[in-house]
Amino acid sequence: MADKTITVTLVRSKIGNKPKSRGTLRALGLNKIGDTNTLPDRPEIRGMIARVPHLIEVKES
């Protein structure tokens, strides 16, 4: 499980979203539209992704 990663990309603006959603994006390492971050596939990361699915695009690898 340690080898699995998830690539997340911010595809919509965080402007106008609630502070918790903006904080979640910051925790995922996404600041601007088009920013991409590769993260380990862990339950904590999956939970953060589940909070903001309408703003990001996810690719599993």
PDB file of N, CA and C in Angstrom:
ATOM      1  N   MET A   1       0.824  -1.200   0.000  1.00  0.00           N
ATOM      2  CA  MET A   1       0.000   0.000   0.000  1.00  0.00           C
ATOM      3  C   MET A   1       0.866   1.262   0.000  1.00  0.00           C
ATOM      4  N   ALA A   2       2.085   1.163   0.486  1.00  0.00           N
ATOM      5  CA  ALA A   2       2.946   2.329   0.549  1.00  0.00           C
ATOM      6  C   ALA A   2       3.364   2.807  -0.835  1.00  0.00           C
ATOM      7  N   ASP A   3       3.349   1.901  -1.818  1.00  0.00           N
ATOM      8  CA  ASP A   3       3.766   2.266  -3.160  1.00  0.00           C
ATOM      9  C   ASP A   3       2.683   2.997  -3.941  1.00  0.00           C
ATOM     10  N   LYS A   4       1.428   2.855  -3.548  1.00  0.00           N
ATOM     11  CA  LYS A   4       0.343   3.487  -4.281  1.00  0.00           C
ATOM     12  C   LYS A   4       0.334   4.991  -4.019  1.00  0.00           C
ATOM     13  N   THR A   5       0.064   5.737  -5.093  1.00  0.00           N
ATOM     14  CA  THR A   5      -0.013   7.189  -4.959  1.00  0.00           C
ATOM     15  C   THR A   5      -1.260   7.705  -5.666  1.00  0.00           C
ATOM     16  N   ILE A   6      -1.642   8.902  -5.310  1.00  0.00           N
ATOM     17  CA  ILE A   6      -2.773   9.587  -5.917  1.00  0.00           C
ATOM     18  C   ILE A   6      -2.262  10.939  -6.402  1.00  0.00           C
ATOM     19  N   THR A   7      -2.609  11.293  -7.628  1.00  0.00           N
ATOM     20  CA  THR A   7      -2.264  12.597  -8.165  1.00  0.00           C
ATOM     21  C   THR A   7      -3.524  13.443  -8.188  1.00  0.00           C
ATOM     22  N   VAL A   8      -3.489  14.574  -7.490  1.00  0.00           N
ATOM     23  CA  VAL A   8      -4.643  15.468  -7.443  1.00  0.00           C
ATOM     24  C   VAL A   8      -4.292  16.779  -8.134  1.00  0.00           C
ATOM     25  N   THR A   9      -5.248  17.297  -8.893  1.00  0.00           N
ATOM     26  CA  THR A   9      -5.074  18.547  -9.629  1.00  0.00           C
ATOM     27  C   THR A   9      -6.251  19.459  -9.324  1.00  0.00           C
ATOM     28  N   LEU A  10      -5.958  20.713  -9.019  1.00  0.00           N
ATOM     29  CA  LEU A  10      -7.013  21.699  -8.782  1.00  0.00           C
ATOM     30  C   LEU A  10      -7.534  22.176 -10.129  1.00  0.00           C
ATOM     31  N   VAL A  11      -8.835  21.975 -10.390  1.00  0.00           N
ATOM     32  CA  VAL A  11      -9.406  22.339 -11.687  1.00  0.00           C
ATOM     33  C   VAL A  11     -10.426  23.476 -11.589  1.00  0.00           C
ATOM     34  N   ARG A  12     -10.897  23.779 -10.381  1.00  0.00           N
ATOM     35  CA  ARG A  12     -11.815  24.895 -10.189  1.00  0.00           C
ATOM     36  C   ARG A  12     -11.312  25.784  -9.067  1.00  0.00           C
ATOM     37  N   SER A  13     -11.687  27.046  -9.122  1.00  0.00           N
ATOM     38  CA  SER A  13     -11.213  28.022  -8.150  1.00  0.00           C
ATOM     39  C   SER A  13     -11.779  27.746  -6.760  1.00  0.00           C
ATOM     40  N   LYS A  14     -10.966  28.062  -5.749  1.00  0.00           N
ATOM     41  CA  LYS A  14     -11.436  27.923  -4.374  1.00  0.00           C
ATOM     42  C   LYS A  14     -12.147  29.183  -3.879  1.00  0.00           C
ATOM     43  N   ILE A  15     -12.177  30.224  -4.708  1.00  0.00           N
ATOM     44  CA  ILE A  15     -12.865  31.457  -4.336  1.00  0.00           C
ATOM     45  C   ILE A  15     -14.362  31.170  -4.199  1.00  0.00           C
ATOM     46  N   GLY A  16     -14.949  31.655  -3.136  1.00  0.00           N
ATOM     47  CA  GLY A  16     -16.378  31.476  -2.925  1.00  0.00           C
ATOM     48  C   GLY A  16     -16.722  30.203  -2.180  1.00  0.00           C
ATOM     49  N   ASN A  17     -15.740  29.399  -1.856  1.00  0.00           N
ATOM     50  CA  ASN A  17     -15.985  28.180  -1.096  1.00  0.00           C
ATOM     51  C   ASN A  17     -15.813  28.450   0.384  1.00  0.00           C
ATOM     52  N   LYS A  18     -16.303  27.527   1.185  1.00  0.00           N
ATOM     53  CA  LYS A  18     -16.244  27.688   2.630  1.00  0.00           C
ATOM     54  C   LYS A  18     -14.798  27.550   3.136  1.00  0.00           C
ATOM     55  N   PRO A  19     -14.504  28.149   4.265  1.00  0.00           N
ATOM     56  CA  PRO A  19     -13.145  28.094   4.805  1.00  0.00           C
ATOM     57  C   PRO A  19     -12.614  26.669   5.010  1.00  0.00           C
ATOM     58  N   LYS A  20     -13.479  25.733   5.391  1.00  0.00           N
ATOM     59  CA  LYS A  20     -13.020  24.352   5.575  1.00  0.00           C
ATOM     60  C   LYS A  20     -12.559  23.759   4.259  1.00  0.00           C
ATOM     61  N   SER A  21     -13.257  24.067   3.179  1.00  0.00           N
ATOM     62  CA  SER A  21     -12.860  23.564   1.857  1.00  0.00           C
ATOM     63  C   SER A  21     -11.531  24.179   1.435  1.00  0.00           C
ATOM     64  N   ARG A  22     -11.360  25.462   1.670  1.00  0.00           N
ATOM     65  CA  ARG A  22     -10.099  26.125   1.319  1.00  0.00           C
ATOM     66  C   ARG A  22      -8.944  25.559   2.135  1.00  0.00           C
ATOM     67  N   GLY A  23      -9.189  25.279   3.415  1.00  0.00           N
ATOM     68  CA  GLY A  23      -8.167  24.682   4.261  1.00  0.00           C
ATOM     69  C   GLY A  23      -7.797  23.281   3.810  1.00  0.00           C
ATOM     70  N   THR A  24      -8.790  22.524   3.356  1.00  0.00           N
ATOM     71  CA  THR A  24      -8.531  21.183   2.854  1.00  0.00           C
ATOM     72  C   THR A  24      -7.662  21.235   1.611  1.00  0.00           C
ATOM     73  N   LEU A  25      -7.943  22.172   0.712  1.00  0.00           N
ATOM     74  CA  LEU A  25      -7.119  22.315  -0.491  1.00  0.00           C
ATOM     75  C   LEU A  25      -5.689  22.696  -0.126  1.00  0.00           C
ATOM     76  N   ARG A  26      -5.542  23.569   0.861  1.00  0.00           N
ATOM     77  CA  ARG A  26      -4.210  23.965   1.313  1.00  0.00           C
ATOM     78  C   ARG A  26      -3.474  22.752   1.892  1.00  0.00           C
ATOM     79  N   ALA A  27      -4.186  21.908   2.640  1.00  0.00           N
ATOM     80  CA  ALA A  27      -3.574  20.711   3.217  1.00  0.00           C
ATOM     81  C   ALA A  27      -3.171  19.706   2.135  1.00  0.00           C
ATOM     82  N   LEU A  28      -3.905  19.700   1.028  1.00  0.00           N
ATOM     83  CA  LEU A  28      -3.553  18.829  -0.096  1.00  0.00           C
ATOM     84  C   LEU A  28      -2.411  19.409  -0.930  1.00  0.00           C
ATOM     85  N   GLY A  29      -2.027  20.654  -0.644  1.00  0.00           N
ATOM     86  CA  GLY A  29      -0.920  21.282  -1.359  1.00  0.00           C
ATOM     87  C   GLY A  29      -1.331  21.932  -2.656  1.00  0.00           C
ATOM     88  N   LEU A  30      -2.596  22.337  -2.760  1.00  0.00           N
ATOM     89  CA  LEU A  30      -3.113  22.943  -3.985  1.00  0.00           C
ATOM     90  C   LEU A  30      -3.464  24.402  -3.713  1.00  0.00           C
ATOM     91  N   ASN A  31      -2.827  25.320  -4.453  1.00  0.00           N
ATOM     92  CA  ASN A  31      -3.060  26.738  -4.239  1.00  0.00           C
ATOM     93  C   ASN A  31      -3.714  27.411  -5.431  1.00  0.00           C
ATOM     94  N   LYS A  32      -3.199  27.160  -6.632  1.00  0.00           N
ATOM     95  CA  LYS A  32      -3.715  27.801  -7.838  1.00  0.00           C
ATOM     96  C   LYS A  32      -4.351  26.761  -8.750  1.00  0.00           C
ATOM     97  N   ILE A  33      -5.220  27.213  -9.640  1.00  0.00           N
ATOM     98  CA  ILE A  33      -5.798  26.315 -10.632  1.00  0.00           C
ATOM     99  C   ILE A  33      -4.662  25.738 -11.470  1.00  0.00           C
ATOM    100  N   GLY A  34      -4.698  24.444 -11.664  1.00  0.00           N
ATOM    101  CA  GLY A  34      -3.654  23.771 -12.425  1.00  0.00           C
ATOM    102  C   GLY A  34      -2.563  23.165 -11.563  1.00  0.00           C
ATOM    103  N   ASP A  35      -2.522  23.513 -10.279  1.00  0.00           N
ATOM    104  CA  ASP A  35      -1.537  22.918  -9.382  1.00  0.00           C
ATOM    105  C   ASP A  35      -1.795  21.422  -9.240  1.00  0.00           C
ATOM    106  N   THR A  36      -0.731  20.640  -9.254  1.00  0.00           N
ATOM    107  CA  THR A  36      -0.817  19.185  -9.125  1.00  0.00           C
ATOM    108  C   THR A  36       0.082  18.740  -7.992  1.00  0.00           C
ATOM    109  N   ASN A  37      -0.389  17.749  -7.247  1.00  0.00           N
ATOM    110  CA  ASN A  37       0.402  17.205  -6.155  1.00  0.00           C
ATOM    111  C   ASN A  37       0.225  15.690  -6.129  1.00  0.00           C
ATOM    112  N   THR A  38       1.304  14.980  -5.888  1.00  0.00           N
ATOM    113  CA  THR A  38       1.258  13.529  -5.764  1.00  0.00           C
ATOM    114  C   THR A  38       1.334  13.183  -4.290  1.00  0.00           C
ATOM    115  N   LEU A  39       0.347  12.420  -3.825  1.00  0.00           N
ATOM    116  CA  LEU A  39       0.226  12.105  -2.412  1.00  0.00           C
ATOM    117  C   LEU A  39       0.112  10.601  -2.217  1.00  0.00           C
ATOM    118  N   PRO A  40       0.473  10.094  -1.034  1.00  0.00           N
ATOM    119  CA  PRO A  40       0.310   8.659  -0.769  1.00  0.00           C
ATOM    120  C   PRO A  40      -1.172   8.300  -0.652  1.00  0.00           C
ATOM    121  N   ASP A  41      -1.506   7.095  -1.045  1.00  0.00           N
ATOM    122  CA  ASP A  41      -2.894   6.631  -0.989  1.00  0.00           C
ATOM    123  C   ASP A  41      -3.190   6.117   0.417  1.00  0.00           C
ATOM    124  N   ARG A  42      -3.645   7.034   1.279  1.00  0.00           N
ATOM    125  CA  ARG A  42      -3.960   6.705   2.668  1.00  0.00           C
ATOM    126  C   ARG A  42      -5.383   7.155   2.978  1.00  0.00           C
ATOM    127  N   PRO A  43      -6.000   6.598   4.006  1.00  0.00           N
ATOM    128  CA  PRO A  43      -7.371   6.981   4.345  1.00  0.00           C
ATOM    129  C   PRO A  43      -7.532   8.474   4.668  1.00  0.00           C
ATOM    130  N   GLU A  44      -6.498   9.083   5.268  1.00  0.00           N
ATOM    131  CA  GLU A  44      -6.594  10.505   5.604  1.00  0.00           C
ATOM    132  C   GLU A  44      -6.683  11.351   4.333  1.00  0.00           C
ATOM    133  N   ILE A  45      -5.884  10.988   3.340  1.00  0.00           N
ATOM    134  CA  ILE A  45      -5.880  11.720   2.072  1.00  0.00           C
ATOM    135  C   ILE A  45      -7.200  11.494   1.346  1.00  0.00           C
ATOM    136  N   ARG A  46      -7.702  10.258   1.368  1.00  0.00           N
ATOM    137  CA  ARG A  46      -8.983   9.944   0.733  1.00  0.00           C
ATOM    138  C   ARG A  46     -10.111  10.764   1.363  1.00  0.00           C
ATOM    139  N   GLY A  47     -10.059  10.960   2.669  1.00  0.00           N
ATOM    140  CA  GLY A  47     -11.068  11.767   3.350  1.00  0.00           C
ATOM    141  C   GLY A  47     -11.023  13.220   2.915  1.00  0.00           C
ATOM    142  N   MET A  48      -9.816  13.754   2.742  1.00  0.00           N
ATOM    143  CA  MET A  48      -9.685  15.140   2.274  1.00  0.00           C
ATOM    144  C   MET A  48     -10.210  15.270   0.848  1.00  0.00           C
ATOM    145  N   ILE A  49      -9.920  14.280   0.021  1.00  0.00           N
ATOM    146  CA  ILE A  49     -10.408  14.300  -1.362  1.00  0.00           C
ATOM    147  C   ILE A  49     -11.934  14.237  -1.387  1.00  0.00           C
ATOM    148  N   ALA A  50     -12.521  13.462  -0.491  1.00  0.00           N
ATOM    149  CA  ALA A  50     -13.979  13.327  -0.432  1.00  0.00           C
ATOM    150  C   ALA A  50     -14.662  14.638  -0.033  1.00  0.00           C
ATOM    151  N   ARG A  51     -13.938  15.530   0.639  1.00  0.00           N
ATOM    152  CA  ARG A  51     -14.516  16.801   1.059  1.00  0.00           C
ATOM    153  C   ARG A  51     -14.614  17.803  -0.093  1.00  0.00           C
ATOM    154  N   VAL A  52     -13.729  17.708  -1.085  1.00  0.00           N
ATOM    155  CA  VAL A  52     -13.695  18.696  -2.173  1.00  0.00           C
ATOM    156  C   VAL A  52     -13.684  18.052  -3.577  1.00  0.00           C
ATOM    157  N   PRO A  53     -14.544  17.070  -3.835  1.00  0.00           N
ATOM    158  CA  PRO A  53     -14.478  16.401  -5.149  1.00  0.00           C
ATOM    159  C   PRO A  53     -14.895  17.300  -6.309  1.00  0.00           C
ATOM    160  N   HIS A  54     -15.659  18.342  -6.021  1.00  0.00           N
ATOM    161  CA  HIS A  54     -16.150  19.246  -7.065  1.00  0.00           C
ATOM    162  C   HIS A  54     -15.085  20.246  -7.517  1.00  0.00           C
ATOM    163  N   LEU A  55     -13.945  20.297  -6.822  1.00  0.00           N
ATOM    164  CA  LEU A  55     -12.894  21.252  -7.165  1.00  0.00           C
ATOM    165  C   LEU A  55     -11.638  20.603  -7.735  1.00  0.00           C
ATOM    166  N   ILE A  56     -11.514  19.301  -7.593  1.00  0.00           N
ATOM    167  CA  ILE A  56     -10.280  18.638  -7.983  1.00  0.00           C
ATOM    168  C   ILE A  56     -10.526  17.495  -8.959  1.00  0.00           C
ATOM    169  N   GLU A  57      -9.429  17.069  -9.581  1.00  0.00           N
ATOM    170  CA  GLU A  57      -9.430  15.905 -10.449  1.00  0.00           C
ATOM    171  C   GLU A  57      -8.419  14.917  -9.869  1.00  0.00           C
ATOM    172  N   VAL A  58      -8.800  13.645  -9.789  1.00  0.00           N
ATOM    173  CA  VAL A  58      -7.963  12.643  -9.123  1.00  0.00           C
ATOM    174  C   VAL A  58      -7.567  11.563 -10.130  1.00  0.00           C
ATOM    175  N   LYS A  59      -6.280  11.212 -10.114  1.00  0.00           N
ATOM    176  CA  LYS A  59      -5.772  10.096 -10.911  1.00  0.00           C
ATOM    177  C   LYS A  59      -5.033   9.161  -9.964  1.00  0.00           C
ATOM    178  N   GLU A  60      -5.361   7.884 -10.041  1.00  0.00           N
ATOM    179  CA  GLU A  60      -4.684   6.896  -9.201  1.00  0.00           C
ATOM    180  C   GLU A  60      -3.557   6.254  -9.981  1.00  0.00           C
ATOM    181  N   SER A  61      -2.460   5.992  -9.301  1.00  0.00           N
ATOM    182  CA  SER A  61      -1.339   5.321  -9.958  1.00  0.00           C
ATOM    183  C   SER A  61      -0.666   4.338  -9.019  1.00  0.00           C
TER     184      SER A  61
END
